[in-house]
Amino acid sequence: MAVPKRKTSKSRRNKRRTHWKLAPPGLTRCSHCHQLKPPHSVCPNCGHYAGREVIKIEEEL
């Protein structure tokens, strides 16, 4: 079985891991209120999904 001959340095290890970063979440505009929301989900601002109202959002006074 293959075994490394030398210890991998911190620099070499970190160079290999440079592409492990997280990507920001993809967001789309709501077709009703034009606020940013996650795709394929009900808009938390107005409660619409696919052009129709799915949940009723009460406005704060």
Protein backbone atom coordinates (compact mmCIF):
# COMPACT_ATOMS: atom_id res chain seq x y z
CA MET A 1 0.00 0.00 0.00
CA ALA A 2 1.31 3.47 -0.87
CA VAL A 3 2.44 5.60 2.04
CA PRO A 4 3.63 9.24 1.81
CA LYS A 5 7.38 9.56 2.18
CA ARG A 6 7.20 13.06 3.70
CA LYS A 7 4.67 14.96 5.80
CA THR A 8 2.47 17.25 3.71
CA SER A 9 3.33 20.83 4.69
CA LYS A 10 0.67 23.26 5.93
CA SER A 11 1.26 25.42 2.87
CA ARG A 12 0.70 22.57 0.41
CA ARG A 13 -2.35 21.34 2.34
CA ASN A 14 -3.88 24.84 2.40
CA LYS A 15 -3.23 25.37 -1.32
CA ARG A 16 -5.24 22.24 -2.03
CA ARG A 17 -8.13 23.49 0.13
CA THR A 18 -8.44 26.97 -1.43
CA HIS A 19 -11.48 25.97 -3.48
CA TRP A 20 -13.49 24.60 -0.52
CA LYS A 21 -15.21 27.92 0.11
CA LEU A 22 -18.98 28.27 0.41
CA ALA A 23 -20.98 29.89 -2.35
CA PRO A 24 -23.61 32.51 -1.49
CA PRO A 25 -27.18 31.22 -1.77
CA GLY A 26 -28.88 31.78 -5.11
CA LEU A 27 -31.74 34.26 -4.86
CA THR A 28 -34.49 35.21 -7.31
CA ARG A 29 -36.96 38.09 -7.46
CA CYS A 30 -40.57 37.49 -6.43
CA SER A 31 -42.88 38.02 -9.41
CA HIS A 32 -45.44 39.78 -7.21
CA CYS A 33 -43.50 42.09 -4.84
CA HIS A 34 -40.01 41.92 -6.46
CA GLN A 35 -38.23 41.13 -3.18
CA LEU A 36 -35.34 38.64 -3.13
CA LYS A 37 -36.32 35.09 -2.11
CA PRO A 38 -34.90 31.56 -2.43
CA PRO A 39 -35.94 29.86 -5.68
CA HIS A 40 -38.86 27.36 -5.66
CA SER A 41 -40.21 28.65 -2.35
CA VAL A 42 -43.03 30.86 -1.10
CA CYS A 43 -42.09 34.53 -0.82
CA PRO A 44 -41.73 35.37 2.90
CA ASN A 45 -42.65 39.00 2.19
CA CYS A 46 -45.98 38.64 0.34
CA GLY A 47 -46.85 34.91 0.53
CA HIS A 48 -47.10 34.36 -3.23
CA TYR A 49 -45.78 31.39 -5.20
CA ALA A 50 -46.10 30.79 -8.97
CA GLY A 51 -48.30 33.85 -9.41
CA ARG A 52 -50.88 33.02 -6.75
CA GLU A 53 -51.26 33.69 -3.02
CA VAL A 54 -50.38 30.56 -1.05
CA ILE A 55 -50.22 31.90 2.51
CA LYS A 56 -51.88 35.00 3.91
CA ILE A 57 -49.44 37.50 5.37
CA GLU A 58 -50.88 39.94 7.92
CA GLU A 59 -49.38 43.42 7.75
CA GLU A 60 -47.94 44.87 10.92
CA LEU A 61 -49.55 48.07 12.21
